[in-house]
Protein backbone atom coordinates (compact mmCIF):
# COMPACT_ATOMS: atom_id res chain seq x y z
CA MET A 1 -0.08 -0.11 -0.05
CA VAL A 2 3.00 2.20 0.64
CA LYS A 3 4.57 1.21 -2.29
CA TRP A 4 1.39 2.13 -4.32
CA LEU A 5 1.04 5.56 -2.55
CA LYS A 6 5.06 6.69 -3.55
CA TRP A 7 4.44 5.87 -6.98
CA LEU A 8 0.48 7.89 -6.97
CA ALA A 9 2.60 10.87 -5.31
CA ALA A 10 6.00 10.46 -7.85
CA ALA A 11 2.92 10.43 -10.79
CA GLY A 12 1.67 13.58 -9.21
CA VAL A 13 4.73 15.55 -8.94
CA LEU A 14 5.92 14.58 -12.25
CA GLY A 15 2.40 15.81 -13.56
CA VAL A 16 2.74 19.36 -11.95
CA LEU A 17 6.69 19.36 -13.35
CA LEU A 18 5.54 18.48 -16.68
CA LEU A 19 2.22 21.42 -16.61
CA ALA A 20 4.74 23.97 -15.21
CA GLY A 21 7.31 23.16 -18.20
CA VAL A 22 4.71 23.22 -20.70
CA ALA A 23 3.87 26.28 -19.36
CA VAL A 24 7.22 27.38 -19.56
CA ALA A 25 7.56 26.69 -22.69
CA LEU A 26 4.48 28.20 -23.84
CA GLN A 27 5.30 31.72 -22.06
CA HIS A 28 8.33 31.80 -24.06
CA TRP A 29 6.66 31.40 -27.30
CA LEU A 30 4.01 33.37 -26.88
CA ARG A 31 6.25 36.31 -25.55
CA THR A 32 8.27 36.41 -28.61
CA GLU A 33 7.84 39.51 -30.99
CA ASP A 34 7.14 37.30 -33.87
CA PHE A 35 4.00 35.48 -32.16
CA ARG A 36 2.47 38.73 -31.34
CA ALA A 37 3.30 40.55 -34.58
CA ARG A 38 1.55 37.60 -36.20
CA VAL A 39 -1.47 37.89 -34.12
CA GLU A 40 -1.68 41.24 -34.14
CA LYS A 41 -1.53 41.27 -38.09
CA GLU A 42 -4.07 38.40 -38.67
CA ALA A 43 -6.67 39.72 -35.82
CA ALA A 44 -6.27 43.29 -37.63
CA ALA A 45 -6.94 41.46 -41.00
CA ALA A 46 -10.17 39.95 -39.67
CA LEU A 47 -11.19 43.17 -37.73
CA GLY A 48 -10.10 45.73 -40.25
CA VAL A 49 -8.65 47.56 -37.51
CA PRO A 50 -4.89 48.23 -36.27
CA LEU A 51 -4.59 46.36 -33.41
CA LYS A 52 -1.64 46.28 -30.73
CA LEU A 53 -0.87 43.88 -27.92
CA GLY A 54 1.07 44.14 -24.71
CA ARG A 55 2.38 40.91 -23.30
CA LEU A 56 1.05 37.29 -23.77
CA SER A 57 1.08 35.14 -21.14
CA VAL A 58 0.28 31.51 -19.93
CA ASP A 59 -0.67 31.56 -16.36
CA LEU A 60 -1.12 28.45 -13.85
CA PHE A 61 -2.02 30.78 -10.33
CA PRO A 62 -4.62 31.00 -9.22
CA VAL A 63 -6.02 29.45 -11.98
CA PRO A 64 -4.48 27.96 -15.38
CA ALA A 65 -5.27 31.04 -18.17
CA VAL A 66 -4.45 32.32 -21.17
CA ALA A 67 -4.00 35.89 -20.43
CA VAL A 68 -3.16 39.17 -22.66
CA ASP A 69 -2.46 42.64 -21.72
CA GLN A 70 -2.32 46.19 -23.06
CA VAL A 71 -5.21 45.35 -25.85
CA ARG A 72 -5.50 48.67 -28.44
CA LEU A 73 -7.64 48.57 -31.36
CA GLN A 74 -6.86 52.00 -32.99
CA THR A 75 -10.57 53.08 -34.09
CA LYS A 76 -10.98 56.30 -34.95
CA PRO A 77 -11.87 59.13 -33.82
CA SER A 78 -11.15 57.43 -30.20
CA ALA A 79 -9.68 54.01 -29.60
CA LEU A 80 -11.06 50.84 -27.74
CA SER A 81 -8.49 50.08 -24.88
CA VAL A 82 -8.49 46.70 -22.52
CA GLU A 83 -6.05 46.47 -20.13
CA ARG A 84 -6.06 42.93 -19.76
CA VAL A 85 -8.07 39.80 -20.61
CA GLU A 86 -7.97 35.95 -19.48
CA ALA A 87 -9.45 33.07 -20.77
CA ARG A 88 -9.65 30.01 -18.40
CA PRO A 89 -10.50 27.03 -20.53
CA ARG A 90 -12.15 23.73 -20.00
CA TRP A 91 -9.19 21.57 -19.28
CA ALA A 92 -10.85 18.61 -19.92
CA ALA A 93 -12.34 19.24 -22.97
CA LEU A 94 -8.98 21.02 -24.15
CA LEU A 95 -7.28 17.54 -24.08
CA MET A 96 -10.14 15.93 -26.33
CA GLY A 97 -9.36 18.71 -28.58
CA ARG A 98 -12.03 20.98 -28.02
CA LEU A 99 -11.49 24.53 -27.15
CA GLU A 100 -14.65 25.72 -24.69
CA ILE A 101 -14.03 28.57 -22.54
CA LYS A 102 -15.24 28.25 -18.98
CA THR A 103 -14.27 31.68 -17.57
CA LEU A 104 -13.66 34.97 -19.90
CA VAL A 105 -12.34 37.70 -17.22
CA VAL A 106 -11.84 41.57 -18.85
CA ARG A 107 -10.40 44.16 -16.81
CA GLN A 108 -10.30 47.99 -16.96
CA ALA A 109 -11.77 48.37 -20.28
CA VAL A 110 -12.49 51.92 -21.95
CA LEU A 111 -14.98 51.80 -24.65
CA PRO A 112 -15.94 54.89 -26.24
CA GLN A 113 -19.31 54.89 -28.33
CA THR A 114 -17.71 56.47 -31.02
CA GLY A 115 -14.94 53.89 -31.08
CA ILE A 116 -17.34 50.81 -30.90
CA ALA A 117 -19.46 52.63 -33.89
CA ALA A 118 -16.52 53.00 -36.28
CA LEU A 119 -15.64 49.10 -35.25
CA THR A 120 -19.24 48.20 -36.29
CA ALA A 121 -18.86 50.52 -39.51
CA VAL A 122 -15.55 49.15 -40.86
CA MET A 123 -16.84 45.43 -40.18
CA GLN A 124 -19.89 45.62 -41.89
CA LYS A 125 -18.18 47.37 -44.89
CA LYS A 126 -15.55 44.40 -44.49
CA ASP A 127 -18.58 42.21 -45.03
CA LYS A 128 -20.34 43.88 -47.80
CA ASP A 129 -17.51 44.32 -50.16
CA LYS A 130 -16.83 40.50 -49.48
CA GLY A 131 -20.67 40.05 -50.42
CA LYS A 132 -20.58 38.14 -47.37
CA LYS A 133 -24.06 37.27 -45.78
CA PRO A 134 -23.97 36.16 -41.97
CA GLU A 135 -24.49 32.43 -41.33
CA PRO A 136 -26.80 30.54 -39.18
CA ALA A 137 -25.88 28.43 -36.48
CA ALA A 138 -26.06 24.97 -37.84
CA PRO A 139 -29.45 23.66 -36.11
CA GLY A 140 -28.86 22.32 -32.78
CA LYS A 141 -25.40 23.29 -32.22
CA PRO A 142 -24.95 25.40 -29.46
CA LEU A 143 -23.04 28.85 -29.44
CA VAL A 144 -19.50 29.01 -28.52
CA LEU A 145 -19.47 30.72 -25.27
CA PRO A 146 -17.85 31.30 -22.01
CA GLN A 147 -19.82 29.41 -19.33
CA SER A 148 -18.90 32.53 -16.85
CA VAL A 149 -17.72 36.11 -17.85
CA LEU A 150 -16.59 38.59 -15.21
CA LEU A 151 -15.88 42.04 -15.96
CA ASP A 152 -14.03 44.29 -13.55
CA ASN A 153 -13.93 48.24 -14.04
CA ILE A 154 -15.35 48.39 -17.44
CA THR A 155 -15.77 52.23 -18.59
CA TRP A 156 -18.48 53.03 -21.71
CA ILE A 157 -18.08 56.69 -22.95
CA ASP A 158 -21.18 57.65 -24.39
CA GLU A 159 -21.52 60.50 -27.92
CA LYS A 160 -21.55 63.49 -25.63
CA GLY A 161 -18.01 62.09 -23.50
CA GLN A 162 -19.95 60.94 -20.43
CA PRO A 163 -18.25 58.12 -18.82
CA ILE A 164 -20.17 55.26 -16.68
CA THR A 165 -18.24 52.81 -15.33
CA ILE A 166 -19.21 48.97 -14.15
CA ASP A 167 -18.53 45.60 -12.43
CA ALA A 168 -20.61 42.70 -13.73
CA LYS A 169 -20.59 39.19 -13.36
CA ALA A 170 -22.66 36.75 -15.30
CA ASP A 171 -23.75 32.84 -15.98
CA LEU A 172 -24.72 30.87 -18.71
CA THR A 173 -26.19 27.32 -18.42
CA ASP A 174 -24.95 24.63 -21.09
CA ASP A 175 -27.58 25.98 -24.01
CA GLY A 176 -26.06 29.39 -23.85
CA LEU A 177 -29.18 31.35 -21.96
CA LEU A 178 -28.34 33.21 -19.28
CA ASP A 179 -28.40 31.63 -15.98
CA SER A 180 -27.60 34.74 -13.47
CA ALA A 181 -26.18 38.31 -13.47
CA SER A 182 -25.24 40.64 -11.51
CA PHE A 183 -23.98 44.62 -12.18
CA LYS A 184 -23.16 47.65 -9.89
CA VAL A 185 -22.54 50.92 -11.30
CA VAL A 186 -18.97 52.09 -9.58
CA ALA A 187 -18.79 55.59 -11.24
CA GLY A 188 -20.31 57.87 -13.88
CA ARG A 189 -23.58 58.11 -14.48
CA PHE A 190 -26.36 56.23 -12.26
CA GLU A 191 -23.44 55.77 -10.22
CA GLY A 192 -24.59 53.28 -6.91
CA THR A 193 -27.18 51.41 -8.87
CA HIS A 194 -26.94 47.83 -8.54
CA GLY A 195 -29.03 45.07 -9.76
CA GLU A 196 -29.24 41.14 -10.54
CA ILE A 197 -31.46 38.66 -12.61
CA LYS A 198 -31.30 34.90 -12.23
CA GLN A 199 -33.06 32.09 -13.77
CA GLU A 200 -36.11 30.67 -12.34
CA GLY A 201 -37.77 27.69 -15.04
CA LYS A 202 -38.46 29.92 -18.00
CA GLU A 203 -38.42 33.31 -16.20
CA TRP A 204 -35.95 35.26 -15.26
CA PRO A 205 -37.09 37.69 -12.08
CA VAL A 206 -35.38 41.21 -11.86
CA GLU A 207 -34.58 43.43 -9.23
CA ILE A 208 -32.43 46.58 -9.64
CA ALA A 209 -31.80 49.43 -7.00
CA ILE A 210 -32.21 52.90 -8.55
CA GLY A 211 -32.79 56.45 -7.31
CA GLY A 212 -33.58 55.48 -3.74
CA GLY A 213 -36.64 53.01 -5.02
CA HIS A 214 -36.04 49.54 -7.20
CA VAL A 215 -37.54 48.42 -10.07
CA LYS A 216 -39.16 44.33 -10.11
CA GLY A 217 -40.53 42.01 -12.62
CA LYS A 218 -39.82 39.14 -14.85
CA LEU A 219 -38.60 38.40 -18.25
CA GLN A 220 -39.72 35.96 -20.60
CA LEU A 221 -37.83 34.25 -23.71
CA GLN A 222 -39.47 32.20 -25.78
CA PRO A 223 -39.34 31.61 -29.90
CA GLY A 224 -40.24 34.69 -32.18
CA LYS A 225 -43.06 34.31 -35.54
CA ALA A 226 -40.88 33.57 -37.88
CA ALA A 227 -37.94 31.29 -38.01
CA GLY A 228 -34.71 32.31 -36.36
CA LEU A 229 -36.29 34.93 -34.32
CA GLN A 230 -36.60 35.45 -30.60
CA LEU A 231 -39.18 37.07 -28.35
CA LEU A 232 -37.76 38.82 -25.15
CA THR A 233 -41.33 40.34 -22.95
CA GLY A 234 -41.40 41.51 -19.55
CA GLN A 235 -43.13 43.17 -17.16
CA LEU A 236 -41.46 45.61 -14.57
CA THR A 237 -43.06 47.31 -11.50
CA THR A 238 -40.96 50.54 -10.63
CA GLU A 239 -41.53 51.77 -6.90
CA ASN A 240 -40.62 55.13 -5.16
CA VAL A 241 -37.71 55.98 -7.86
CA GLU A 242 -36.51 59.91 -7.82
CA VAL A 243 -36.77 60.35 -11.67
CA SER A 244 -34.16 62.70 -12.22
CA ALA A 245 -31.89 59.53 -11.40
CA LEU A 246 -33.16 57.86 -14.65
CA THR A 247 -32.28 60.95 -16.54
CA ALA A 248 -29.48 61.86 -15.32
CA PRO A 249 -26.98 64.12 -15.67
CA SER A 250 -30.25 65.91 -16.92
CA LYS A 251 -33.08 66.91 -14.50
CA PRO A 252 -35.75 67.75 -16.82
CA LEU A 253 -38.18 66.84 -14.08
CA THR A 254 -37.86 65.65 -10.34
CA GLY A 255 -40.01 63.35 -7.97
CA LYS A 256 -41.07 59.71 -6.65
CA LEU A 257 -41.66 57.80 -9.69
CA GLN A 258 -44.57 54.93 -9.56
CA ALA A 259 -44.96 52.70 -12.55
CA GLN A 260 -46.36 49.61 -14.79
CA THR A 261 -44.29 48.90 -17.61
CA THR A 262 -44.79 45.98 -20.19
CA LEU A 263 -41.44 45.34 -22.90
CA ARG A 264 -41.24 43.62 -26.23
CA SER A 265 -38.58 42.84 -28.23
CA GLU A 266 -38.17 40.61 -31.02
CA TYR A 267 -34.82 40.28 -33.01
CA LYS A 268 -32.82 37.99 -34.79
CA ASP A 269 -29.28 38.80 -33.47
CA PRO A 270 -28.89 39.88 -29.65
CA GLY A 271 -27.29 43.10 -30.52
CA GLN A 272 -30.69 44.09 -32.28
CA ILE A 273 -32.56 43.87 -29.03
CA VAL A 274 -32.55 47.89 -27.84
CA ASP A 275 -33.14 49.17 -31.15
CA VAL A 276 -35.70 46.89 -31.94
CA LEU A 277 -37.11 47.30 -28.22
CA GLN A 278 -41.09 48.59 -27.65
CA THR A 279 -42.31 49.79 -23.94
CA SER A 280 -45.60 51.31 -22.88
CA THR A 281 -45.43 51.98 -19.42
CA HIS A 282 -48.16 53.95 -17.07
CA PHE A 283 -46.79 56.12 -14.68
CA THR A 284 -47.25 58.61 -11.44
CA VAL A 285 -44.81 60.70 -10.73
CA ARG A 286 -45.69 62.91 -6.87
CA ASN A 287 -44.47 65.77 -5.61
CA ALA A 288 -42.80 66.60 -8.94
CA GLU A 289 -40.83 69.58 -10.15
CA LEU A 290 -40.59 70.62 -14.18
CA GLN A 291 -37.35 72.17 -14.68
CA GLY A 292 -36.92 75.09 -17.65
CA ILE A 293 -40.67 76.23 -18.04
CA ASP A 294 -42.81 78.11 -15.78
CA LEU A 295 -46.39 76.86 -17.52
CA ALA A 296 -48.47 79.73 -15.36
CA ARG A 297 -46.04 82.06 -16.47
CA ALA A 298 -46.07 81.52 -20.14
CA VAL A 299 -49.75 81.63 -20.12
CA GLN A 300 -49.53 84.92 -18.60
CA THR A 301 -46.94 86.39 -20.73
CA VAL A 302 -48.32 84.61 -23.98
CA GLY A 303 -45.56 82.26 -24.50
CA LEU A 304 -43.20 84.85 -24.09
CA SER A 305 -41.64 83.77 -20.95
CA ARG A 306 -38.48 81.58 -20.42
CA GLY A 307 -36.95 79.40 -18.21
CA GLY A 308 -38.47 78.85 -14.48
CA SER A 309 -40.10 76.17 -12.91
CA THR A 310 -43.05 74.30 -12.46
CA ARG A 311 -43.87 72.67 -9.13
CA LEU A 312 -46.88 69.77 -9.53
CA ASP A 313 -48.66 67.76 -6.98
CA THR A 314 -49.03 64.94 -9.49
CA LEU A 315 -47.90 64.05 -13.16
CA ALA A 316 -49.39 61.09 -14.77
CA GLY A 317 -49.28 59.34 -18.01
CA GLN A 318 -48.26 56.73 -20.59
CA VAL A 319 -44.99 56.21 -22.28
CA ASN A 320 -44.40 54.23 -25.16
CA THR A 321 -40.99 53.78 -27.17
CA GLN A 322 -39.73 52.46 -30.36
CA GLY A 323 -36.18 52.29 -30.11
CA LYS A 324 -34.86 55.81 -28.93
CA THR A 325 -38.30 57.46 -29.43
CA VAL A 326 -40.54 58.29 -26.76
CA HIS A 327 -43.80 59.45 -26.79
CA LEU A 328 -45.55 60.75 -23.85
CA THR A 329 -49.40 60.75 -24.19
CA ASN A 330 -52.42 61.39 -22.41
CA LEU A 331 -50.54 63.90 -19.96
CA VAL A 332 -52.37 65.04 -16.83
CA ALA A 333 -50.90 67.71 -14.31
CA THR A 334 -52.21 69.25 -11.15
CA SER A 335 -51.58 71.30 -8.95
CA GLY A 336 -53.04 73.91 -6.71
CA SER A 337 -52.22 76.79 -9.34
CA LEU A 338 -53.04 75.12 -12.60
CA SER A 339 -53.85 71.67 -14.18
CA ALA A 340 -52.47 70.54 -18.01
CA THR A 341 -53.16 67.89 -20.21
CA GLY A 342 -51.25 67.05 -23.52
CA ASN A 343 -48.95 65.03 -25.36
CA VAL A 344 -45.10 65.42 -26.40
CA THR A 345 -42.67 63.33 -27.98
CA LEU A 346 -38.70 63.31 -27.30
CA ALA A 347 -36.83 62.28 -30.64
CA ALA A 348 -33.66 60.22 -30.75
CA ASN A 349 -31.76 63.59 -30.90
CA LYS A 350 -33.80 64.79 -27.62
CA SER A 351 -35.58 67.46 -29.23
CA LEU A 352 -39.17 67.83 -27.90
CA SER A 353 -42.51 68.35 -29.82
CA GLY A 354 -45.55 68.65 -28.86
CA ARG A 355 -48.64 70.32 -27.17
CA VAL A 356 -50.24 70.94 -23.94
CA ALA A 357 -53.19 73.15 -22.78
CA VAL A 358 -53.39 74.70 -19.52
CA ASP A 359 -56.09 75.76 -17.24
CA LEU A 360 -55.33 78.40 -14.52
CA ALA A 361 -57.06 78.52 -11.51
CA HIS A 362 -57.46 82.24 -11.89
CA GLY A 363 -57.69 82.95 -15.81
CA ALA A 364 -57.11 81.74 -18.55
CA LEU A 365 -58.54 78.33 -19.35
CA GLY A 366 -57.52 75.34 -22.02
CA VAL A 367 -54.70 77.78 -23.24
CA PRO A 368 -53.10 75.50 -25.71
CA LEU A 369 -48.88 76.08 -26.16
CA ALA A 370 -46.86 74.29 -28.34
CA VAL A 371 -43.82 72.39 -26.95
CA GLY A 372 -40.22 72.74 -28.35
CA GLY A 373 -36.62 72.80 -27.98
CA THR A 374 -34.69 69.76 -26.31
CA LEU A 375 -34.96 67.84 -22.99
CA ASP A 376 -32.08 70.24 -21.50
CA GLU A 377 -33.19 72.93 -22.73
CA PRO A 378 -37.15 73.04 -23.25
CA SER A 379 -39.94 75.59 -24.31
CA VAL A 380 -43.45 76.67 -24.84
CA THR A 381 -44.90 78.95 -26.88
CA LEU A 382 -48.53 79.97 -27.86
CA THR A 383 -49.93 77.86 -30.44
CA SER A 384 -49.85 79.88 -34.02
CA ALA A 385 -53.65 79.36 -33.75
CA ALA A 386 -54.03 80.32 -30.42
CA LEU A 387 -52.05 83.24 -31.31
CA ALA A 388 -54.83 84.26 -34.30
CA GLY A 389 -57.52 84.32 -32.12
CA SER A 390 -55.36 86.46 -29.77
CA ALA A 391 -54.93 88.72 -32.98
CA VAL A 392 -58.78 88.85 -33.72
CA GLY A 393 -59.62 89.87 -30.07
CA ALA A 394 -61.32 86.69 -29.37
CA ALA A 395 -63.06 86.37 -26.10
CA THR A 396 -61.41 83.46 -25.07
CA THR A 397 -58.08 81.48 -25.49
CA SER A 398 -60.04 78.27 -26.57
CA ILE A 399 -62.66 80.29 -29.32
CA GLY A 400 -59.27 82.42 -30.72
CA ASP A 401 -57.83 78.77 -31.10
CA LYS A 402 -60.64 77.58 -32.80
CA ILE A 403 -60.63 81.10 -35.00
CA GLY A 404 -57.07 80.35 -35.80
CA ASN A 405 -57.92 77.26 -37.29
CA GLY A 406 -59.77 78.81 -40.07
CA LEU A 407 -56.92 81.31 -40.36
CA ARG A 408 -53.94 79.08 -40.65
CA GLY A 409 -53.15 79.88 -44.38
CA LEU A 410 -52.35 83.08 -43.13
CA PHE A 411 -50.22 82.26 -39.57
CA GLY A 412 -48.56 79.05 -40.46
CA LYS A 413 -49.12 75.76 -38.73
């Protein structure tokens, strides 16, 4: 028995030494200038963008992994950079000749949206020039994805140069579906926001803490109507969330939000989810304050007043989104001094358009105001029809609005 234990120990030591020897040999090979230059050249040819790599290595501790440091994609006008990428393979599969990544770790990345857009455009052009069409995955063949992904200090910078930095972790099931995920915003917009999602049967419960409140609900994923499509649906409840936390750094509206949301996205590629996402939300904001517009003053000055704010007891309505376009309908705002109703559209470029009708407690009733400007600098003016009514000396603004409709050819829209 002792003899067998000695042989077993010797075999174990020999295995460790062999693994160490292989690692040392790989380290030497990977760190050669020739190998690094070849990887940079082939990757740059595939991506269509110059690529620079720092050190390539094979690490044994704390767990065996292949790593690359200081990855730089020279996209213009902004480069994409990652300080370190670690790929931890499934060793059992590797010994059988299959490359399967168990864990992918990405650390300290800086990803400007302008760089991402440039990379996407270059790759699409390459495919178009080659007449290449995306190849559908073979039926029943799972995608080769890491079982676990760890993101450490990943910074995304939007088109306006505003950064947001997150830590996140996600685990996938054997069939490539999301098993669980969690994230935390550590800096920038939405700092302090954190959330998690975990698969339970055919549903994924979601819980996000943001703006002093929370968003909770469930997501469902099922096959779409057409072959190759996936349908993502969900229902979310928002409770006591400070509205300005959702629109940061812009703060056009403050107050506590209560809402019920349904969402739907039918897509072929996961990258399309946001672009084709449709949502419908019924909401109420209590103790609201609308920044940039004083509705009462705008009515009293015939739409000449700019700036200010409007305090409201409640603001309720419905929000429908299609991609990046937002429609606010059936708006009802109330306070001690005024009430208002209307509809407003927020375009993808954050420009505003719409109309609201304002009733003052002591004075004008149903004064129609045209909404314009941007989310950060909104404006309201009397509609052209209302101005026409005022010009002919109508008894009330509502009557003037009707007269103005008849004179639309003289005064424009």
